[in-house]
């Protein structure tokens, strides 16, 4: 939620900060990518429950248990901080 608020504030102030416009766009795009990665990680934490491992998430095997399609985004965010 904090990252989303920062994205919104940057969007509102983008016109006022013309000198730093390119930097703001790059930061904004980077934060959007981070949000999608965090939501995906929350979905995987929900999917694998206690078997979730950060190293496996980053470098691991690509396989699916088939349960992630039934997960709501708020559940993904909640499980992200579990």
PDB file of N, CA and C in Angstrom:
ATOM      1  N   UNK A   1       0.816  -1.182   0.000  1.00  0.00           N
ATOM      2  CA  UNK A   1       0.000   0.000   0.000  1.00  0.00           C
ATOM      3  C   UNK A   1       0.872   1.264   0.000  1.00  0.00           C
ATOM      4  N   UNK A   2       1.993   1.201   0.714  1.00  0.00           N
ATOM      5  CA  UNK A   2       2.887   2.355   0.777  1.00  0.00           C
ATOM      6  C   UNK A   2       3.496   2.634  -0.592  1.00  0.00           C
ATOM      7  N   UNK A   3       3.901   1.571  -1.283  1.00  0.00           N
ATOM      8  CA  UNK A   3       4.487   1.742  -2.613  1.00  0.00           C
ATOM      9  C   UNK A   3       3.449   2.319  -3.571  1.00  0.00           C
ATOM     10  N   UNK A   4       2.204   1.856  -3.469  1.00  0.00           N
ATOM     11  CA  UNK A   4       1.141   2.386  -4.316  1.00  0.00           C
ATOM     12  C   UNK A   4       0.904   3.869  -4.037  1.00  0.00           C
ATOM     13  N   UNK A   5       0.945   4.259  -2.759  1.00  0.00           N
ATOM     14  CA  UNK A   5       0.784   5.670  -2.404  1.00  0.00           C
ATOM     15  C   UNK A   5       1.929   6.506  -2.970  1.00  0.00           C
ATOM     16  N   UNK A   6       3.150   5.994  -2.913  1.00  0.00           N
ATOM     17  CA  UNK A   6       4.298   6.715  -3.457  1.00  0.00           C
ATOM     18  C   UNK A   6       4.149   6.880  -4.972  1.00  0.00           C
ATOM     19  N   UNK A   7       3.693   5.816  -5.640  1.00  0.00           N
ATOM     20  CA  UNK A   7       3.473   5.901  -7.085  1.00  0.00           C
ATOM     21  C   UNK A   7       2.448   6.979  -7.403  1.00  0.00           C
ATOM     22  N   UNK A   8       1.378   7.046  -6.628  1.00  0.00           N
ATOM     23  CA  UNK A   8       0.333   8.047  -6.849  1.00  0.00           C
ATOM     24  C   UNK A   8       0.856   9.459  -6.612  1.00  0.00           C
ATOM     25  N   UNK A   9       1.624   9.647  -5.558  1.00  0.00           N
ATOM     26  CA  UNK A   9       2.182  10.976  -5.258  1.00  0.00           C
ATOM     27  C   UNK A   9       3.152  11.396  -6.355  1.00  0.00           C
ATOM     28  N   UNK A  10       3.975  10.473  -6.816  1.00  0.00           N
ATOM     29  CA  UNK A  10       4.885  10.797  -7.912  1.00  0.00           C
ATOM     30  C   UNK A  10       4.120  11.148  -9.181  1.00  0.00           C
ATOM     31  N   UNK A  11       3.027  10.452  -9.409  1.00  0.00           N
ATOM     32  CA  UNK A  11       2.204  10.745 -10.578  1.00  0.00           C
ATOM     33  C   UNK A  11       1.622  12.157 -10.493  1.00  0.00           C
ATOM     34  N   UNK A  12       1.160  12.554  -9.310  1.00  0.00           N
ATOM     35  CA  UNK A  12       0.580  13.882  -9.137  1.00  0.00           C
ATOM     36  C   UNK A  12       1.631  14.984  -9.258  1.00  0.00           C
ATOM     37  N   UNK A  13       2.832  14.748  -8.771  1.00  0.00           N
ATOM     38  CA  UNK A  13       3.889  15.763  -8.775  1.00  0.00           C
ATOM     39  C   UNK A  13       4.784  15.710 -10.005  1.00  0.00           C
ATOM     40  N   UNK A  14       4.482  14.848 -10.917  1.00  0.00           N
ATOM     41  CA  UNK A  14       5.340  14.649 -12.083  1.00  0.00           C
ATOM     42  C   UNK A  14       5.459  15.922 -12.924  1.00  0.00           C
ATOM     43  N   UNK A  15       4.395  16.659 -13.091  1.00  0.00           N
ATOM     44  CA  UNK A  15       4.435  17.866 -13.923  1.00  0.00           C
ATOM     45  C   UNK A  15       5.198  19.007 -13.258  1.00  0.00           C
ATOM     46  N   UNK A  16       5.148  19.047 -11.941  1.00  0.00           N
ATOM     47  CA  UNK A  16       5.826  20.118 -11.218  1.00  0.00           C
ATOM     48  C   UNK A  16       7.343  19.933 -11.198  1.00  0.00           C
ATOM     49  N   UNK A  17       7.777  18.742 -11.320  1.00  0.00           N
ATOM     50  CA  UNK A  17       9.215  18.456 -11.228  1.00  0.00           C
ATOM     51  C   UNK A  17       9.772  18.127 -12.612  1.00  0.00           C
ATOM     52  N   UNK A  18       9.724  19.081 -13.508  1.00  0.00           N
ATOM     53  CA  UNK A  18      10.100  18.821 -14.895  1.00  0.00           C
ATOM     54  C   UNK A  18      11.572  18.444 -15.056  1.00  0.00           C
ATOM     55  N   UNK A  19      12.445  18.966 -14.218  1.00  0.00           N
ATOM     56  CA  UNK A  19      13.870  18.648 -14.346  1.00  0.00           C
ATOM     57  C   UNK A  19      14.154  17.197 -13.997  1.00  0.00           C
ATOM     58  N   UNK A  20      13.401  16.673 -13.057  1.00  0.00           N
ATOM     59  CA  UNK A  20      13.626  15.298 -12.618  1.00  0.00           C
ATOM     60  C   UNK A  20      12.590  14.348 -13.198  1.00  0.00           C
ATOM     61  N   UNK A  21      11.974  14.750 -14.286  1.00  0.00           N
ATOM     62  CA  UNK A  21      10.881  13.987 -14.892  1.00  0.00           C
ATOM     63  C   UNK A  21      11.310  12.563 -15.269  1.00  0.00           C
ATOM     64  N   UNK A  22      12.443  12.443 -15.933  1.00  0.00           N
ATOM     65  CA  UNK A  22      12.898  11.117 -16.357  1.00  0.00           C
ATOM     66  C   UNK A  22      13.187  10.215 -15.174  1.00  0.00           C
ATOM     67  N   UNK A  23      13.799  10.770 -14.139  1.00  0.00           N
ATOM     68  CA  UNK A  23      14.098   9.989 -12.946  1.00  0.00           C
ATOM     69  C   UNK A  23      12.819   9.509 -12.275  1.00  0.00           C
ATOM     70  N   UNK A  24      11.827  10.382 -12.201  1.00  0.00           N
ATOM     71  CA  UNK A  24      10.560  10.009 -11.583  1.00  0.00           C
ATOM     72  C   UNK A  24       9.884   8.901 -12.365  1.00  0.00           C
ATOM     73  N   UNK A  25       9.928   8.965 -13.677  1.00  0.00           N
ATOM     74  CA  UNK A  25       9.323   7.911 -14.505  1.00  0.00           C
ATOM     75  C   UNK A  25      10.040   6.584 -14.276  1.00  0.00           C
ATOM     76  N   UNK A  26      11.367   6.613 -14.191  1.00  0.00           N
ATOM     77  CA  UNK A  26      12.121   5.377 -13.957  1.00  0.00           C
ATOM     78  C   UNK A  26      11.815   4.795 -12.579  1.00  0.00           C
ATOM     79  N   UNK A  27      11.731   5.648 -11.563  1.00  0.00           N
ATOM     80  CA  UNK A  27      11.404   5.184 -10.214  1.00  0.00           C
ATOM     81  C   UNK A  27       9.994   4.619 -10.184  1.00  0.00           C
ATOM     82  N   UNK A  28       9.063   5.305 -10.833  1.00  0.00           N
ATOM     83  CA  UNK A  28       7.678   4.862 -10.884  1.00  0.00           C
ATOM     84  C   UNK A  28       7.569   3.495 -11.559  1.00  0.00           C
ATOM     85  N   UNK A  29       8.220   3.325 -12.689  1.00  0.00           N
ATOM     86  CA  UNK A  29       8.190   2.039 -13.392  1.00  0.00           C
ATOM     87  C   UNK A  29       8.839   0.936 -12.564  1.00  0.00           C
ATOM     88  N   UNK A  30       9.928   1.264 -11.887  1.00  0.00           N
ATOM     89  CA  UNK A  30      10.587   0.273 -11.033  1.00  0.00           C
ATOM     90  C   UNK A  30       9.695  -0.173  -9.888  1.00  0.00           C
ATOM     91  N   UNK A  31       8.981   0.766  -9.293  1.00  0.00           N
ATOM     92  CA  UNK A  31       8.080   0.410  -8.193  1.00  0.00           C
ATOM     93  C   UNK A  31       6.913  -0.437  -8.671  1.00  0.00           C
ATOM     94  N   UNK A  32       6.424  -0.173  -9.854  1.00  0.00           N
ATOM     95  CA  UNK A  32       5.347  -1.001 -10.408  1.00  0.00           C
ATOM     96  C   UNK A  32       5.837  -2.427 -10.611  1.00  0.00           C
ATOM     97  N   UNK A  33       7.049  -2.587 -11.109  1.00  0.00           N
ATOM     98  CA  UNK A  33       7.616  -3.932 -11.288  1.00  0.00           C
ATOM     99  C   UNK A  33       7.776  -4.619  -9.941  1.00  0.00           C
ATOM    100  N   UNK A  34       8.238  -3.884  -8.922  1.00  0.00           N
ATOM    101  CA  UNK A  34       8.400  -4.455  -7.581  1.00  0.00           C
ATOM    102  C   UNK A  34       7.044  -4.915  -7.033  1.00  0.00           C
ATOM    103  N   UNK A  35       5.992  -4.141  -7.254  1.00  0.00           N
ATOM    104  CA  UNK A  35       4.658  -4.526  -6.780  1.00  0.00           C
ATOM    105  C   UNK A  35       4.233  -5.838  -7.407  1.00  0.00           C
ATOM    106  N   UNK A  36       4.431  -5.986  -8.717  1.00  0.00           N
ATOM    107  CA  UNK A  36       4.040  -7.235  -9.373  1.00  0.00           C
ATOM    108  C   UNK A  36       4.851  -8.422  -8.866  1.00  0.00           C
ATOM    109  N   UNK A  37       6.135  -8.219  -8.623  1.00  0.00           N
ATOM    110  CA  UNK A  37       6.968  -9.300  -8.090  1.00  0.00           C
ATOM    111  C   UNK A  37       6.515  -9.687  -6.693  1.00  0.00           C
ATOM    112  N   UNK A  38       6.185  -8.694  -5.854  1.00  0.00           N
ATOM    113  CA  UNK A  38       5.740  -8.985  -4.491  1.00  0.00           C
ATOM    114  C   UNK A  38       4.395  -9.707  -4.483  1.00  0.00           C
ATOM    115  N   UNK A  39       3.484  -9.317  -5.359  1.00  0.00           N
ATOM    116  CA  UNK A  39       2.192 -10.013  -5.448  1.00  0.00           C
ATOM    117  C   UNK A  39       2.405 -11.453  -5.899  1.00  0.00           C
ATOM    118  N   UNK A  40       3.278 -11.654  -6.870  1.00  0.00           N
ATOM    119  CA  UNK A  40       3.576 -13.007  -7.333  1.00  0.00           C
ATOM    120  C   UNK A  40       4.209 -13.843  -6.215  1.00  0.00           C
ATOM    121  N   UNK A  41       5.100 -13.226  -5.440  1.00  0.00           N
ATOM    122  CA  UNK A  41       5.718 -13.943  -4.329  1.00  0.00           C
ATOM    123  C   UNK A  41       4.669 -14.307  -3.280  1.00  0.00           C
ATOM    124  N   UNK A  42       3.721 -13.415  -3.020  1.00  0.00           N
ATOM    125  CA  UNK A  42       2.634 -13.725  -2.091  1.00  0.00           C
ATOM    126  C   UNK A  42       1.800 -14.887  -2.574  1.00  0.00           C
ATOM    127  N   UNK A  43       1.546 -14.938  -3.885  1.00  0.00           N
ATOM    128  CA  UNK A  43       0.791 -16.066  -4.456  1.00  0.00           C
ATOM    129  C   UNK A  43       1.556 -17.376  -4.264  1.00  0.00           C
ATOM    130  N   UNK A  44       2.860 -17.338  -4.473  1.00  0.00           N
ATOM    131  CA  UNK A  44       3.669 -18.551  -4.310  1.00  0.00           C
ATOM    132  C   UNK A  44       3.770 -18.964  -2.842  1.00  0.00           C
ATOM    133  N   UNK A  45       3.832 -17.979  -1.930  1.00  0.00           N
ATOM    134  CA  UNK A  45       3.858 -18.314  -0.510  1.00  0.00           C
ATOM    135  C   UNK A  45       2.547 -18.979  -0.103  1.00  0.00           C
ATOM    136  N   UNK A  46       1.435 -18.515  -0.653  1.00  0.00           N
ATOM    137  CA  UNK A  46       0.144 -19.139  -0.377  1.00  0.00           C
ATOM    138  C   UNK A  46       0.097 -20.542  -0.981  1.00  0.00           C
ATOM    139  N   UNK A  47       0.637 -20.688  -2.175  1.00  0.00           N
ATOM    140  CA  UNK A  47       0.600 -21.961  -2.886  1.00  0.00           C
ATOM    141  C   UNK A  47       1.432 -23.031  -2.187  1.00  0.00           C
ATOM    142  N   UNK A  48       2.633 -22.671  -1.720  1.00  0.00           N
ATOM    143  CA  UNK A  48       3.542 -23.653  -1.142  1.00  0.00           C
ATOM    144  C   UNK A  48       3.491 -23.709   0.385  1.00  0.00           C
ATOM    145  N   UNK A  49       2.753 -22.822   1.013  1.00  0.00           N
ATOM    146  CA  UNK A  49       2.576 -22.772   2.478  1.00  0.00           C
ATOM    147  C   UNK A  49       3.923 -22.855   3.198  1.00  0.00           C
ATOM    148  N   UNK A  50       4.120 -23.886   4.006  1.00  0.00           N
ATOM    149  CA  UNK A  50       5.343 -24.025   4.811  1.00  0.00           C
ATOM    150  C   UNK A  50       6.549 -24.494   3.998  1.00  0.00           C
ATOM    151  N   UNK A  51       6.326 -24.947   2.773  1.00  0.00           N
ATOM    152  CA  UNK A  51       7.431 -25.410   1.924  1.00  0.00           C
ATOM    153  C   UNK A  51       8.042 -24.287   1.104  1.00  0.00           C
ATOM    154  N   UNK A  52       7.582 -23.058   1.296  1.00  0.00           N
ATOM    155  CA  UNK A  52       8.108 -21.926   0.531  1.00  0.00           C
ATOM    156  C   UNK A  52       9.526 -21.602   0.983  1.00  0.00           C
ATOM    157  N   UNK A  53      10.398 -21.366   0.019  1.00  0.00           N
ATOM    158  CA  UNK A  53      11.787 -21.018   0.286  1.00  0.00           C
ATOM    159  C   UNK A  53      12.171 -19.859  -0.635  1.00  0.00           C
ATOM    160  N   UNK A  54      12.781 -18.811  -0.083  1.00  0.00           N
ATOM    161  CA  UNK A  54      13.135 -17.645  -0.885  1.00  0.00           C
ATOM    162  C   UNK A  54      14.164 -17.976  -1.963  1.00  0.00           C
ATOM    163  N   UNK A  55      15.132 -18.814  -1.649  1.00  0.00           N
ATOM    164  CA  UNK A  55      16.135 -19.186  -2.653  1.00  0.00           C
ATOM    165  C   UNK A  55      15.505 -19.968  -3.795  1.00  0.00           C
ATOM    166  N   UNK A  56      14.579 -20.857  -3.469  1.00  0.00           N
ATOM    167  CA  UNK A  56      13.889 -21.597  -4.509  1.00  0.00           C
ATOM    168  C   UNK A  56      13.015 -20.655  -5.330  1.00  0.00           C
ATOM    169  N   UNK A  57      12.426 -19.655  -4.682  1.00  0.00           N
ATOM    170  CA  UNK A  57      11.608 -18.685  -5.405  1.00  0.00           C
ATOM    171  C   UNK A  57      12.450 -17.903  -6.411  1.00  0.00           C
ATOM    172  N   UNK A  58      13.652 -17.516  -6.021  1.00  0.00           N
ATOM    173  CA  UNK A  58      14.492 -16.696  -6.895  1.00  0.00           C
ATOM    174  C   UNK A  58      15.202 -17.538  -7.955  1.00  0.00           C
ATOM    175  N   UNK A  59      15.791 -18.659  -7.546  1.00  0.00           N
ATOM    176  CA  UNK A  59      16.627 -19.434  -8.461  1.00  0.00           C
ATOM    177  C   UNK A  59      16.050 -20.800  -8.815  1.00  0.00           C
ATOM    178  N   UNK A  60      14.938 -21.167  -8.206  1.00  0.00           N
ATOM    179  CA  UNK A  60      14.479 -22.548  -8.230  1.00  0.00           C
ATOM    180  C   UNK A  60      13.836 -23.057  -9.491  1.00  0.00           C
ATOM    181  N   UNK A  61      13.237 -24.233  -9.331  1.00  0.00           N
ATOM    182  CA  UNK A  61      12.604 -24.950 -10.421  1.00  0.00           C
ATOM    183  C   UNK A  61      11.289 -24.279 -10.796  1.00  0.00           C
ATOM    184  N   UNK A  62      10.913 -24.463 -12.038  1.00  0.00           N
ATOM    185  CA  UNK A  62       9.654 -23.918 -12.513  1.00  0.00           C
ATOM    186  C   UNK A  62       8.648 -25.067 -12.528  1.00  0.00           C
ATOM    187  N   UNK A  63       7.822 -25.095 -11.508  1.00  0.00           N
ATOM    188  CA  UNK A  63       6.748 -26.082 -11.472  1.00  0.00           C
ATOM    189  C   UNK A  63       5.599 -25.484 -10.687  1.00  0.00           C
ATOM    190  N   UNK A  64       4.427 -25.965 -10.948  1.00  0.00           N
ATOM    191  CA  UNK A  64       3.222 -25.380 -10.372  1.00  0.00           C
ATOM    192  C   UNK A  64       2.414 -26.476  -9.693  1.00  0.00           C
ATOM    193  N   UNK A  65       1.850 -26.141  -8.531  1.00  0.00           N
ATOM    194  CA  UNK A  65       0.969 -27.102  -7.868  1.00  0.00           C
ATOM    195  C   UNK A  65      -0.464 -26.953  -8.335  1.00  0.00           C
ATOM    196  N   UNK A  66      -0.743 -25.903  -9.094  1.00  0.00           N
ATOM    197  CA  UNK A  66      -2.069 -25.738  -9.675  1.00  0.00           C
ATOM    198  C   UNK A  66      -3.073 -25.015  -8.804  1.00  0.00           C
ATOM    199  N   UNK A  67      -2.657 -24.440  -7.673  1.00  0.00           N
ATOM    200  CA  UNK A  67      -3.608 -23.782  -6.784  1.00  0.00           C
ATOM    201  C   UNK A  67      -3.573 -22.266  -6.888  1.00  0.00           C
ATOM    202  N   UNK A  68      -2.625 -21.702  -7.588  1.00  0.00           N
ATOM    203  CA  UNK A  68      -2.481 -20.245  -7.593  1.00  0.00           C
ATOM    204  C   UNK A  68      -3.588 -19.540  -8.367  1.00  0.00           C
ATOM    205  N   UNK A  69      -4.289 -20.209  -9.258  1.00  0.00           N
ATOM    206  CA  UNK A  69      -5.336 -19.544 -10.025  1.00  0.00           C
ATOM    207  C   UNK A  69      -6.555 -19.221  -9.173  1.00  0.00           C
ATOM    208  N   UNK A  70      -6.677 -19.819  -7.987  1.00  0.00           N
ATOM    209  CA  UNK A  70      -7.827 -19.606  -7.127  1.00  0.00           C
ATOM    210  C   UNK A  70      -7.565 -18.554  -6.051  1.00  0.00           C
ATOM    211  N   UNK A  71      -6.453 -17.847  -6.137  1.00  0.00           N
ATOM    212  CA  UNK A  71      -6.040 -16.917  -5.094  1.00  0.00           C
ATOM    213  C   UNK A  71      -6.436 -15.493  -5.487  1.00  0.00           C
ATOM    214  N   UNK A  72      -7.015 -14.757  -4.536  1.00  0.00           N
ATOM    215  CA  UNK A  72      -7.315 -13.349  -4.745  1.00  0.00           C
ATOM    216  C   UNK A  72      -6.073 -12.519  -4.455  1.00  0.00           C
ATOM    217  N   UNK A  73      -6.012 -11.309  -5.011  1.00  0.00           N
ATOM    218  CA  UNK A  73      -4.837 -10.461  -4.824  1.00  0.00           C
ATOM    219  C   UNK A  73      -4.647 -10.048  -3.373  1.00  0.00           C
ATOM    220  N   UNK A  74      -5.720  -9.809  -2.649  1.00  0.00           N
ATOM    221  CA  UNK A  74      -5.572  -9.444  -1.237  1.00  0.00           C
ATOM    222  C   UNK A  74      -5.006 -10.596  -0.425  1.00  0.00           C
ATOM    223  N   UNK A  75      -5.342 -11.824  -0.797  1.00  0.00           N
ATOM    224  CA  UNK A  75      -4.756 -12.995  -0.139  1.00  0.00           C
ATOM    225  C   UNK A  75      -3.264 -13.051  -0.425  1.00  0.00           C
ATOM    226  N   UNK A  76      -2.872 -12.718  -1.647  1.00  0.00           N
ATOM    227  CA  UNK A  76      -1.451 -12.702  -2.003  1.00  0.00           C
ATOM    228  C   UNK A  76      -0.692 -11.683  -1.167  1.00  0.00           C
ATOM    229  N   UNK A  77      -1.285 -10.507  -0.981  1.00  0.00           N
ATOM    230  CA  UNK A  77      -0.629  -9.464  -0.192  1.00  0.00           C
ATOM    231  C   UNK A  77      -0.545  -9.884   1.262  1.00  0.00           C
ATOM    232  N   UNK A  78      -1.611 -10.507   1.787  1.00  0.00           N
ATOM    233  CA  UNK A  78      -1.621 -10.961   3.179  1.00  0.00           C
ATOM    234  C   UNK A  78      -0.556 -12.032   3.387  1.00  0.00           C
ATOM    235  N   UNK A  79      -0.452 -12.989   2.461  1.00  0.00           N
ATOM    236  CA  UNK A  79       0.530 -14.067   2.604  1.00  0.00           C
ATOM    237  C   UNK A  79       1.950 -13.586   2.349  1.00  0.00           C
ATOM    238  N   UNK A  80       2.097 -12.464   1.689  1.00  0.00           N
ATOM    239  CA  UNK A  80       3.428 -11.904   1.465  1.00  0.00           C
ATOM    240  C   UNK A  80       4.117 -11.579   2.774  1.00  0.00           C
ATOM    241  N   UNK A  81       3.358 -11.133   3.772  1.00  0.00           N
ATOM    242  CA  UNK A  81       3.921 -10.737   5.057  1.00  0.00           C
ATOM    243  C   UNK A  81       3.792 -11.828   6.108  1.00  0.00           C
ATOM    244  N   UNK A  82       3.479 -13.039   5.683  1.00  0.00           N
ATOM    245  CA  UNK A  82       3.340 -14.164   6.604  1.00  0.00           C
ATOM    246  C   UNK A  82       4.689 -14.760   6.855  1.00  0.00           C
TER     247      UNK A  82
END
